[in-house]
């Protein structure tokens, strides 16, 4: 069978947006720059809307490489925006250290 995964990706995007909104809403008091978090959430919501509409329109999929390139660039930008928060960047550094140590033990 050749089943498209676009609907599943759209559901994941909306779930990830919900998680991000919940996280930012509950932790923005602890952010060094809460405006960056809220701005990233607005950008994520806008891109989620664009991506869900794109996934529902098979006629637009010939530009798939352009869409996927933009998707990766936006995801990297949002991760970097999260890293501007000292608390988040500390957690990212800890996670990187743990994953590096786990790889070295193998």
PDB file of N, CA and C in Angstrom:
ATOM      1  N   UNK A   1       0.829  -1.194   0.000  1.00  0.00           N
ATOM      2  CA  UNK A   1       0.000   0.000   0.000  1.00  0.00           C
ATOM      3  C   UNK A   1       0.866   1.247   0.000  1.00  0.00           C
ATOM      4  N   UNK A   2       0.364   2.258  -0.594  1.00  0.00           N
ATOM      5  CA  UNK A   2       1.060   3.534  -0.653  1.00  0.00           C
ATOM      6  C   UNK A   2       0.213   4.576   0.078  1.00  0.00           C
ATOM      7  N   UNK A   3       0.327   4.612   1.385  1.00  0.00           N
ATOM      8  CA  UNK A   3      -0.451   5.553   2.182  1.00  0.00           C
ATOM      9  C   UNK A   3       0.374   6.797   2.475  1.00  0.00           C
ATOM     10  N   UNK A   4      -0.159   7.970   2.193  1.00  0.00           N
ATOM     11  CA  UNK A   4       0.586   9.193   2.498  1.00  0.00           C
ATOM     12  C   UNK A   4       0.633   9.443   4.008  1.00  0.00           C
ATOM     13  N   UNK A   5       1.760   9.947   4.441  1.00  0.00           N
ATOM     14  CA  UNK A   5       1.932  10.239   5.864  1.00  0.00           C
ATOM     15  C   UNK A   5       1.605  11.689   6.211  1.00  0.00           C
ATOM     16  N   UNK A   6       1.183  12.469   5.232  1.00  0.00           N
ATOM     17  CA  UNK A   6       0.904  13.881   5.492  1.00  0.00           C
ATOM     18  C   UNK A   6      -0.117  14.103   6.603  1.00  0.00           C
ATOM     19  N   UNK A   7      -1.222  13.326   6.649  1.00  0.00           N
ATOM     20  CA  UNK A   7      -2.177  13.559   7.755  1.00  0.00           C
ATOM     21  C   UNK A   7      -1.549  13.305   9.127  1.00  0.00           C
ATOM     22  N   UNK A   8      -0.711  12.290   9.233  1.00  0.00           N
ATOM     23  CA  UNK A   8      -0.058  12.005  10.518  1.00  0.00           C
ATOM     24  C   UNK A   8       0.909  13.119  10.898  1.00  0.00           C
ATOM     25  N   UNK A   9       1.626  13.635   9.911  1.00  0.00           N
ATOM     26  CA  UNK A   9       2.555  14.742  10.180  1.00  0.00           C
ATOM     27  C   UNK A   9       1.776  15.972  10.642  1.00  0.00           C
ATOM     28  N   UNK A  10       0.627  16.213  10.042  1.00  0.00           N
ATOM     29  CA  UNK A  10      -0.196  17.364  10.440  1.00  0.00           C
ATOM     30  C   UNK A  10      -0.686  17.216  11.879  1.00  0.00           C
ATOM     31  N   UNK A  11      -1.098  16.009  12.255  1.00  0.00           N
ATOM     32  CA  UNK A  11      -1.549  15.773  13.633  1.00  0.00           C
ATOM     33  C   UNK A  11      -0.385  16.001  14.598  1.00  0.00           C
ATOM     34  N   UNK A  12       0.807  15.514  14.240  1.00  0.00           N
ATOM     35  CA  UNK A  12       1.978  15.722  15.098  1.00  0.00           C
ATOM     36  C   UNK A  12       2.291  17.210  15.243  1.00  0.00           C
ATOM     37  N   UNK A  13       2.217  17.958  14.146  1.00  0.00           N
ATOM     38  CA  UNK A  13       2.508  19.391  14.206  1.00  0.00           C
ATOM     39  C   UNK A  13       1.570  20.107  15.179  1.00  0.00           C
ATOM     40  N   UNK A  14       0.279  19.780  15.110  1.00  0.00           N
ATOM     41  CA  UNK A  14      -0.694  20.423  15.997  1.00  0.00           C
ATOM     42  C   UNK A  14      -0.437  20.014  17.448  1.00  0.00           C
ATOM     43  N   UNK A  15      -0.108  18.736  17.673  1.00  0.00           N
ATOM     44  CA  UNK A  15       0.196  18.278  19.032  1.00  0.00           C
ATOM     45  C   UNK A  15       1.458  18.965  19.560  1.00  0.00           C
ATOM     46  N   UNK A  16       2.485  19.099  18.724  1.00  0.00           N
ATOM     47  CA  UNK A  16       3.715  19.777  19.139  1.00  0.00           C
ATOM     48  C   UNK A  16       3.444  21.246  19.442  1.00  0.00           C
ATOM     49  N   UNK A  17       2.587  21.875  18.656  1.00  0.00           N
ATOM     50  CA  UNK A  17       2.214  23.268  18.911  1.00  0.00           C
ATOM     51  C   UNK A  17       1.508  23.388  20.258  1.00  0.00           C
ATOM     52  N   UNK A  18       0.609  22.449  20.549  1.00  0.00           N
ATOM     53  CA  UNK A  18      -0.085  22.454  21.844  1.00  0.00           C
ATOM     54  C   UNK A  18       0.882  22.300  23.005  1.00  0.00           C
ATOM     55  N   UNK A  19       1.848  21.392  22.846  1.00  0.00           N
ATOM     56  CA  UNK A  19       2.854  21.190  23.894  1.00  0.00           C
ATOM     57  C   UNK A  19       3.696  22.454  24.089  1.00  0.00           C
ATOM     58  N   UNK A  20       4.102  23.074  22.987  1.00  0.00           N
ATOM     59  CA  UNK A  20       4.903  24.296  23.081  1.00  0.00           C
ATOM     60  C   UNK A  20       4.115  25.415  23.757  1.00  0.00           C
ATOM     61  N   UNK A  21       2.840  25.549  23.389  1.00  0.00           N
ATOM     62  CA  UNK A  21       2.003  26.590  23.993  1.00  0.00           C
ATOM     63  C   UNK A  21       1.846  26.348  25.495  1.00  0.00           C
ATOM     64  N   UNK A  22       1.600  25.100  25.873  1.00  0.00           N
ATOM     65  CA  UNK A  22       1.477  24.753  27.292  1.00  0.00           C
ATOM     66  C   UNK A  22       2.770  25.068  28.036  1.00  0.00           C
ATOM     67  N   UNK A  23       3.899  24.682  27.460  1.00  0.00           N
ATOM     68  CA  UNK A  23       5.199  24.896  28.102  1.00  0.00           C
ATOM     69  C   UNK A  23       5.508  26.378  28.262  1.00  0.00           C
ATOM     70  N   UNK A  24       5.280  27.142  27.204  1.00  0.00           N
ATOM     71  CA  UNK A  24       5.574  28.584  27.267  1.00  0.00           C
ATOM     72  C   UNK A  24       4.636  29.284  28.244  1.00  0.00           C
ATOM     73  N   UNK A  25       3.361  28.900  28.234  1.00  0.00           N
ATOM     74  CA  UNK A  25       2.390  29.524  29.126  1.00  0.00           C
ATOM     75  C   UNK A  25       2.780  29.307  30.591  1.00  0.00           C
ATOM     76  N   UNK A  26       3.242  28.102  30.912  1.00  0.00           N
ATOM     77  CA  UNK A  26       3.562  27.795  32.310  1.00  0.00           C
ATOM     78  C   UNK A  26       4.964  28.199  32.742  1.00  0.00           C
ATOM     79  N   UNK A  27       5.869  28.416  31.802  1.00  0.00           N
ATOM     80  CA  UNK A  27       7.252  28.695  32.194  1.00  0.00           C
ATOM     81  C   UNK A  27       7.726  30.093  31.806  1.00  0.00           C
ATOM     82  N   UNK A  28       6.890  30.880  31.163  1.00  0.00           N
ATOM     83  CA  UNK A  28       7.371  32.181  30.671  1.00  0.00           C
ATOM     84  C   UNK A  28       7.816  33.113  31.793  1.00  0.00           C
ATOM     85  N   UNK A  29       7.326  32.898  33.001  1.00  0.00           N
ATOM     86  CA  UNK A  29       7.766  33.728  34.133  1.00  0.00           C
ATOM     87  C   UNK A  29       9.248  33.532  34.439  1.00  0.00           C
ATOM     88  N   UNK A  30       9.785  32.376  34.067  1.00  0.00           N
ATOM     89  CA  UNK A  30      11.174  32.050  34.374  1.00  0.00           C
ATOM     90  C   UNK A  30      12.123  32.361  33.212  1.00  0.00           C
ATOM     91  N   UNK A  31      11.592  32.809  32.095  1.00  0.00           N
ATOM     92  CA  UNK A  31      12.434  33.106  30.932  1.00  0.00           C
ATOM     93  C   UNK A  31      13.169  34.423  31.128  1.00  0.00           C
ATOM     94  N   UNK A  32      14.391  34.474  30.638  1.00  0.00           N
ATOM     95  CA  UNK A  32      15.139  35.721  30.666  1.00  0.00           C
ATOM     96  C   UNK A  32      14.480  36.730  29.717  1.00  0.00           C
ATOM     97  N   UNK A  33      13.987  36.245  28.584  1.00  0.00           N
ATOM     98  CA  UNK A  33      13.305  37.084  27.589  1.00  0.00           C
ATOM     99  C   UNK A  33      12.009  36.404  27.167  1.00  0.00           C
ATOM    100  N   UNK A  34      10.913  36.609  27.903  1.00  0.00           N
ATOM    101  CA  UNK A  34       9.662  35.922  27.576  1.00  0.00           C
ATOM    102  C   UNK A  34       9.114  36.292  26.202  1.00  0.00           C
ATOM    103  N   UNK A  35       9.437  37.478  25.719  1.00  0.00           N
ATOM    104  CA  UNK A  35       8.964  37.886  24.395  1.00  0.00           C
ATOM    105  C   UNK A  35       9.480  36.989  23.286  1.00  0.00           C
ATOM    106  N   UNK A  36      10.701  36.472  23.463  1.00  0.00           N
ATOM    107  CA  UNK A  36      11.266  35.552  22.468  1.00  0.00           C
ATOM    108  C   UNK A  36      10.447  34.267  22.440  1.00  0.00           C
ATOM    109  N   UNK A  37      10.063  33.775  23.608  1.00  0.00           N
ATOM    110  CA  UNK A  37       9.253  32.561  23.674  1.00  0.00           C
ATOM    111  C   UNK A  37       7.897  32.736  23.023  1.00  0.00           C
ATOM    112  N   UNK A  38       7.238  33.856  23.330  1.00  0.00           N
ATOM    113  CA  UNK A  38       5.930  34.112  22.732  1.00  0.00           C
ATOM    114  C   UNK A  38       6.054  34.349  21.223  1.00  0.00           C
ATOM    115  N   UNK A  39       7.118  35.024  20.809  1.00  0.00           N
ATOM    116  CA  UNK A  39       7.339  35.230  19.366  1.00  0.00           C
ATOM    117  C   UNK A  39       7.583  33.917  18.640  1.00  0.00           C
ATOM    118  N   UNK A  40       8.348  33.030  19.272  1.00  0.00           N
ATOM    119  CA  UNK A  40       8.591  31.712  18.671  1.00  0.00           C
ATOM    120  C   UNK A  40       7.289  30.925  18.581  1.00  0.00           C
ATOM    121  N   UNK A  41       6.435  31.062  19.581  1.00  0.00           N
ATOM    122  CA  UNK A  41       5.144  30.365  19.546  1.00  0.00           C
ATOM    123  C   UNK A  41       4.269  30.892  18.410  1.00  0.00           C
ATOM    124  N   UNK A  42       4.266  32.200  18.212  1.00  0.00           N
ATOM    125  CA  UNK A  42       3.497  32.778  17.103  1.00  0.00           C
ATOM    126  C   UNK A  42       4.045  32.284  15.764  1.00  0.00           C
ATOM    127  N   UNK A  43       5.371  32.257  15.629  1.00  0.00           N
ATOM    128  CA  UNK A  43       5.986  31.751  14.395  1.00  0.00           C
ATOM    129  C   UNK A  43       5.639  30.281  14.186  1.00  0.00           C
ATOM    130  N   UNK A  44       5.686  29.503  15.264  1.00  0.00           N
ATOM    131  CA  UNK A  44       5.358  28.081  15.164  1.00  0.00           C
ATOM    132  C   UNK A  44       3.896  27.880  14.765  1.00  0.00           C
ATOM    133  N   UNK A  45       3.001  28.682  15.326  1.00  0.00           N
ATOM    134  CA  UNK A  45       1.582  28.577  14.977  1.00  0.00           C
ATOM    135  C   UNK A  45       1.361  28.933  13.509  1.00  0.00           C
ATOM    136  N   UNK A  46       2.027  29.997  13.050  1.00  0.00           N
ATOM    137  CA  UNK A  46       1.888  30.386  11.636  1.00  0.00           C
ATOM    138  C   UNK A  46       2.414  29.316  10.703  1.00  0.00           C
ATOM    139  N   UNK A  47       3.571  28.767  11.015  1.00  0.00           N
ATOM    140  CA  UNK A  47       4.145  27.734  10.149  1.00  0.00           C
ATOM    141  C   UNK A  47       3.313  26.449  10.210  1.00  0.00           C
ATOM    142  N   UNK A  48       2.750  26.135  11.373  1.00  0.00           N
ATOM    143  CA  UNK A  48       1.876  24.964  11.477  1.00  0.00           C
ATOM    144  C   UNK A  48       0.672  25.127  10.567  1.00  0.00           C
ATOM    145  N   UNK A  49       0.088  26.309  10.541  1.00  0.00           N
ATOM    146  CA  UNK A  49      -1.053  26.568   9.661  1.00  0.00           C
ATOM    147  C   UNK A  49      -0.654  26.397   8.197  1.00  0.00           C
ATOM    148  N   UNK A  50       0.473  26.973   7.815  1.00  0.00           N
ATOM    149  CA  UNK A  50       0.956  26.843   6.430  1.00  0.00           C
ATOM    150  C   UNK A  50       1.188  25.373   6.079  1.00  0.00           C
ATOM    151  N   UNK A  51       1.826  24.630   6.975  1.00  0.00           N
ATOM    152  CA  UNK A  51       2.164  23.229   6.703  1.00  0.00           C
ATOM    153  C   UNK A  51       0.922  22.351   6.610  1.00  0.00           C
ATOM    154  N   UNK A  52      -0.059  22.587   7.468  1.00  0.00           N
ATOM    155  CA  UNK A  52      -1.286  21.787   7.422  1.00  0.00           C
ATOM    156  C   UNK A  52      -2.051  22.064   6.126  1.00  0.00           C
ATOM    157  N   UNK A  53      -2.117  23.320   5.720  1.00  0.00           N
ATOM    158  CA  UNK A  53      -2.779  23.652   4.451  1.00  0.00           C
ATOM    159  C   UNK A  53      -2.020  23.037   3.285  1.00  0.00           C
ATOM    160  N   UNK A  54      -0.703  23.099   3.319  1.00  0.00           N
ATOM    161  CA  UNK A  54       0.127  22.504   2.267  1.00  0.00           C
ATOM    162  C   UNK A  54      -0.125  21.002   2.166  1.00  0.00           C
ATOM    163  N   UNK A  55      -0.228  20.343   3.301  1.00  0.00           N
ATOM    164  CA  UNK A  55      -0.432  18.891   3.311  1.00  0.00           C
ATOM    165  C   UNK A  55      -1.787  18.491   2.741  1.00  0.00           C
ATOM    166  N   UNK A  56      -2.751  19.378   2.814  1.00  0.00           N
ATOM    167  CA  UNK A  56      -4.098  19.067   2.308  1.00  0.00           C
ATOM    168  C   UNK A  56      -4.254  19.359   0.820  1.00  0.00           C
ATOM    169  N   UNK A  57      -3.272  19.979   0.211  1.00  0.00           N
ATOM    170  CA  UNK A  57      -3.369  20.350  -1.204  1.00  0.00           C
ATOM    171  C   UNK A  57      -2.339  19.573  -2.020  1.00  0.00           C
ATOM    172  N   UNK A  58      -2.692  18.393  -2.513  1.00  0.00           N
ATOM    173  CA  UNK A  58      -1.729  17.589  -3.275  1.00  0.00           C
ATOM    174  C   UNK A  58      -1.210  18.276  -4.532  1.00  0.00           C
ATOM    175  N   UNK A  59      -1.955  19.211  -5.083  1.00  0.00           N
ATOM    176  CA  UNK A  59      -1.509  19.896  -6.299  1.00  0.00           C
ATOM    177  C   UNK A  59      -0.265  20.739  -6.049  1.00  0.00           C
ATOM    178  N   UNK A  60      -0.045  21.160  -4.817  1.00  0.00           N
ATOM    179  CA  UNK A  60       1.117  22.004  -4.498  1.00  0.00           C
ATOM    180  C   UNK A  60       2.357  21.200  -4.150  1.00  0.00           C
ATOM    181  N   UNK A  61       2.234  19.913  -4.070  1.00  0.00           N
ATOM    182  CA  UNK A  61       3.364  19.105  -3.628  1.00  0.00           C
ATOM    183  C   UNK A  61       4.528  19.029  -4.607  1.00  0.00           C
ATOM    184  N   UNK A  62       4.401  19.468  -5.867  1.00  0.00           N
ATOM    185  CA  UNK A  62       5.606  19.472  -6.707  1.00  0.00           C
ATOM    186  C   UNK A  62       6.730  20.334  -6.132  1.00  0.00           C
ATOM    187  N   UNK A  63       6.394  21.305  -5.320  1.00  0.00           N
ATOM    188  CA  UNK A  63       7.414  22.152  -4.694  1.00  0.00           C
ATOM    189  C   UNK A  63       7.856  21.550  -3.358  1.00  0.00           C
ATOM    190  N   UNK A  64       7.870  20.237  -3.276  1.00  0.00           N
ATOM    191  CA  UNK A  64       8.151  19.548  -2.025  1.00  0.00           C
ATOM    192  C   UNK A  64       9.535  19.873  -1.479  1.00  0.00           C
ATOM    193  N   UNK A  65      10.532  19.911  -2.332  1.00  0.00           N
ATOM    194  CA  UNK A  65      11.893  20.198  -1.841  1.00  0.00           C
ATOM    195  C   UNK A  65      11.993  21.593  -1.243  1.00  0.00           C
ATOM    196  N   UNK A  66      11.363  22.549  -1.861  1.00  0.00           N
ATOM    197  CA  UNK A  66      11.362  23.908  -1.331  1.00  0.00           C
ATOM    198  C   UNK A  66      10.657  23.942   0.025  1.00  0.00           C
ATOM    199  N   UNK A  67       9.525  23.269   0.111  1.00  0.00           N
ATOM    200  CA  UNK A  67       8.775  23.218   1.366  1.00  0.00           C
ATOM    201  C   UNK A  67       9.598  22.552   2.465  1.00  0.00           C
ATOM    202  N   UNK A  68      10.206  21.414   2.166  1.00  0.00           N
ATOM    203  CA  UNK A  68      10.991  20.699   3.174  1.00  0.00           C
ATOM    204  C   UNK A  68      12.219  21.504   3.607  1.00  0.00           C
ATOM    205  N   UNK A  69      12.841  22.210   2.664  1.00  0.00           N
ATOM    206  CA  UNK A  69      13.967  23.079   3.014  1.00  0.00           C
ATOM    207  C   UNK A  69      13.537  24.190   3.962  1.00  0.00           C
ATOM    208  N   UNK A  70      12.404  24.806   3.663  1.00  0.00           N
ATOM    209  CA  UNK A  70      11.879  25.859   4.542  1.00  0.00           C
ATOM    210  C   UNK A  70      11.499  25.282   5.897  1.00  0.00           C
ATOM    211  N   UNK A  71      10.942  24.080   5.898  1.00  0.00           N
ATOM    212  CA  UNK A  71      10.540  23.434   7.143  1.00  0.00           C
ATOM    213  C   UNK A  71      11.749  23.200   8.055  1.00  0.00           C
ATOM    214  N   UNK A  72      12.828  22.698   7.495  1.00  0.00           N
ATOM    215  CA  UNK A  72      14.037  22.458   8.281  1.00  0.00           C
ATOM    216  C   UNK A  72      14.627  23.780   8.774  1.00  0.00           C
ATOM    217  N   UNK A  73      14.665  24.789   7.915  1.00  0.00           N
ATOM    218  CA  UNK A  73      15.222  26.092   8.307  1.00  0.00           C
ATOM    219  C   UNK A  73      14.411  26.718   9.451  1.00  0.00           C
ATOM    220  N   UNK A  74      13.105  26.616   9.370  1.00  0.00           N
ATOM    221  CA  UNK A  74      12.260  27.176  10.428  1.00  0.00           C
ATOM    222  C   UNK A  74      12.424  26.392  11.718  1.00  0.00           C
ATOM    223  N   UNK A  75      12.516  25.076  11.627  1.00  0.00           N
ATOM    224  CA  UNK A  75      12.714  24.251  12.829  1.00  0.00           C
ATOM    225  C   UNK A  75      14.036  24.598  13.509  1.00  0.00           C
ATOM    226  N   UNK A  76      15.094  24.754  12.722  1.00  0.00           N
ATOM    227  CA  UNK A  76      16.403  25.120  13.289  1.00  0.00           C
ATOM    228  C   UNK A  76      16.316  26.505  13.937  1.00  0.00           C
ATOM    229  N   UNK A  77      15.644  27.426  13.281  1.00  0.00           N
ATOM    230  CA  UNK A  77      15.484  28.765  13.852  1.00  0.00           C
ATOM    231  C   UNK A  77      14.741  28.747  15.175  1.00  0.00           C
ATOM    232  N   UNK A  78      13.705  27.918  15.273  1.00  0.00           N
ATOM    233  CA  UNK A  78      12.954  27.831  16.528  1.00  0.00           C
ATOM    234  C   UNK A  78      13.781  27.177  17.638  1.00  0.00           C
ATOM    235  N   UNK A  79      14.580  26.189  17.287  1.00  0.00           N
ATOM    236  CA  UNK A  79      15.465  25.569  18.288  1.00  0.00           C
ATOM    237  C   UNK A  79      16.487  26.596  18.771  1.00  0.00           C
ATOM    238  N   UNK A  80      17.042  27.378  17.858  1.00  0.00           N
ATOM    239  CA  UNK A  80      17.999  28.409  18.251  1.00  0.00           C
ATOM    240  C   UNK A  80      17.339  29.489  19.103  1.00  0.00           C
ATOM    241  N   UNK A  81      16.078  29.792  18.807  1.00  0.00           N
ATOM    242  CA  UNK A  81      15.360  30.763  19.638  1.00  0.00           C
ATOM    243  C   UNK A  81      15.184  30.222  21.049  1.00  0.00           C
ATOM    244  N   UNK A  82      14.935  28.925  21.183  1.00  0.00           N
ATOM    245  CA  UNK A  82      14.815  28.321  22.511  1.00  0.00           C
ATOM    246  C   UNK A  82      16.154  28.371  23.236  1.00  0.00           C
ATOM    247  N   UNK A  83      17.239  28.274  22.483  1.00  0.00           N
ATOM    248  CA  UNK A  83      18.571  28.278  23.098  1.00  0.00           C
ATOM    249  C   UNK A  83      18.970  29.654  23.616  1.00  0.00           C
ATOM    250  N   UNK A  84      18.247  30.716  23.250  1.00  0.00           N
ATOM    251  CA  UNK A  84      18.574  32.047  23.767  1.00  0.00           C
ATOM    252  C   UNK A  84      18.166  32.203  25.226  1.00  0.00           C
ATOM    253  N   UNK A  85      17.329  31.310  25.708  1.00  0.00           N
ATOM    254  CA  UNK A  85      16.925  31.336  27.106  1.00  0.00           C
ATOM    255  C   UNK A  85      17.997  30.611  27.915  1.00  0.00           C
ATOM    256  N   UNK A  86      18.643  31.264  28.866  1.00  0.00           N
ATOM    257  CA  UNK A  86      19.726  30.609  29.611  1.00  0.00           C
ATOM    258  C   UNK A  86      19.299  29.303  30.271  1.00  0.00           C
ATOM    259  N   UNK A  87      18.095  29.245  30.794  1.00  0.00           N
ATOM    260  CA  UNK A  87      17.618  28.019  31.449  1.00  0.00           C
ATOM    261  C   UNK A  87      17.487  26.888  30.429  1.00  0.00           C
ATOM    262  N   UNK A  88      16.925  27.193  29.260  1.00  0.00           N
ATOM    263  CA  UNK A  88      16.754  26.186  28.218  1.00  0.00           C
ATOM    264  C   UNK A  88      18.095  25.760  27.667  1.00  0.00           C
ATOM    265  N   UNK A  89      18.994  26.709  27.422  1.00  0.00           N
ATOM    266  CA  UNK A  89      20.284  26.342  26.846  1.00  0.00           C
ATOM    267  C   UNK A  89      21.081  25.478  27.826  1.00  0.00           C
ATOM    268  N   UNK A  90      20.908  25.688  29.126  1.00  0.00           N
ATOM    269  CA  UNK A  90      21.573  24.837  30.116  1.00  0.00           C
ATOM    270  C   UNK A  90      21.022  23.414  30.025  1.00  0.00           C
ATOM    271  N   UNK A  91      19.703  23.287  29.886  1.00  0.00           N
ATOM    272  CA  UNK A  91      19.097  21.963  29.763  1.00  0.00           C
ATOM    273  C   UNK A  91      19.534  21.282  28.468  1.00  0.00           C
ATOM    274  N   UNK A  92      19.640  22.048  27.381  1.00  0.00           N
ATOM    275  CA  UNK A  92      20.109  21.472  26.121  1.00  0.00           C
ATOM    276  C   UNK A  92      21.549  20.987  26.261  1.00  0.00           C
ATOM    277  N   UNK A  93      22.384  21.749  26.953  1.00  0.00           N
ATOM    278  CA  UNK A  93      23.779  21.345  27.154  1.00  0.00           C
ATOM    279  C   UNK A  93      23.851  20.077  27.993  1.00  0.00           C
ATOM    280  N   UNK A  94      23.021  19.971  29.025  1.00  0.00           N
ATOM    281  CA  UNK A  94      22.991  18.761  29.844  1.00  0.00           C
ATOM    282  C   UNK A  94      22.564  17.556  29.016  1.00  0.00           C
ATOM    283  N   UNK A  95      21.543  17.715  28.187  1.00  0.00           N
ATOM    284  CA  UNK A  95      21.063  16.611  27.350  1.00  0.00           C
ATOM    285  C   UNK A  95      22.139  16.182  26.364  1.00  0.00           C
ATOM    286  N   UNK A  96      22.860  17.148  25.816  1.00  0.00           N
ATOM    287  CA  UNK A  96      23.936  16.828  24.877  1.00  0.00           C
ATOM    288  C   UNK A  96      25.059  16.069  25.585  1.00  0.00           C
ATOM    289  N   UNK A  97      25.408  16.489  26.784  1.00  0.00           N
ATOM    290  CA  UNK A  97      26.440  15.787  27.544  1.00  0.00           C
ATOM    291  C   UNK A  97      26.015  14.352  27.849  1.00  0.00           C
ATOM    292  N   UNK A  98      24.752  14.153  28.251  1.00  0.00           N
ATOM    293  CA  UNK A  98      24.268  12.806  28.555  1.00  0.00           C
ATOM    294  C   UNK A  98      24.280  11.920  27.318  1.00  0.00           C
ATOM    295  N   UNK A  99      23.837  12.461  26.179  1.00  0.00           N
ATOM    296  CA  UNK A  99      23.806  11.641  24.966  1.00  0.00           C
ATOM    297  C   UNK A  99      25.219  11.328  24.487  1.00  0.00           C
ATOM    298  N   UNK A 100      26.139  12.273  24.632  1.00  0.00           N
ATOM    299  CA  UNK A 100      27.535  12.017  24.244  1.00  0.00           C
ATOM    300  C   UNK A 100      28.144  10.952  25.147  1.00  0.00           C
ATOM    301  N   UNK A 101      27.887  11.043  26.449  1.00  0.00           N
ATOM    302  CA  UNK A 101      28.414  10.038  27.378  1.00  0.00           C
ATOM    303  C   UNK A 101      27.836   8.654  27.090  1.00  0.00           C
ATOM    304  N   UNK A 102      26.550   8.593  26.739  1.00  0.00           N
ATOM    305  CA  UNK A 102      25.922   7.312  26.433  1.00  0.00           C
ATOM    306  C   UNK A 102      26.537   6.699  25.166  1.00  0.00           C
ATOM    307  N   UNK A 103      26.836   7.534  24.177  1.00  0.00           N
ATOM    308  CA  UNK A 103      27.457   7.038  22.941  1.00  0.00           C
ATOM    309  C   UNK A 103      28.873   6.549  23.197  1.00  0.00           C
ATOM    310  N   UNK A 104      29.598   7.205  24.085  1.00  0.00           N
ATOM    311  CA  UNK A 104      30.972   6.817  24.377  1.00  0.00           C
ATOM    312  C   UNK A 104      31.035   5.506  25.154  1.00  0.00           C
ATOM    313  N   UNK A 105      29.986   5.212  25.929  1.00  0.00           N
ATOM    314  CA  UNK A 105      29.962   3.963  26.700  1.00  0.00           C
ATOM    315  C   UNK A 105      29.743   2.745  25.804  1.00  0.00           C
ATOM    316  N   UNK A 106      29.202   2.955  24.628  1.00  0.00           N
ATOM    317  CA  UNK A 106      28.892   1.816  23.743  1.00  0.00           C
ATOM    318  C   UNK A 106      30.097   1.259  23.110  1.00  0.00           C
TER     319      UNK A 106
END
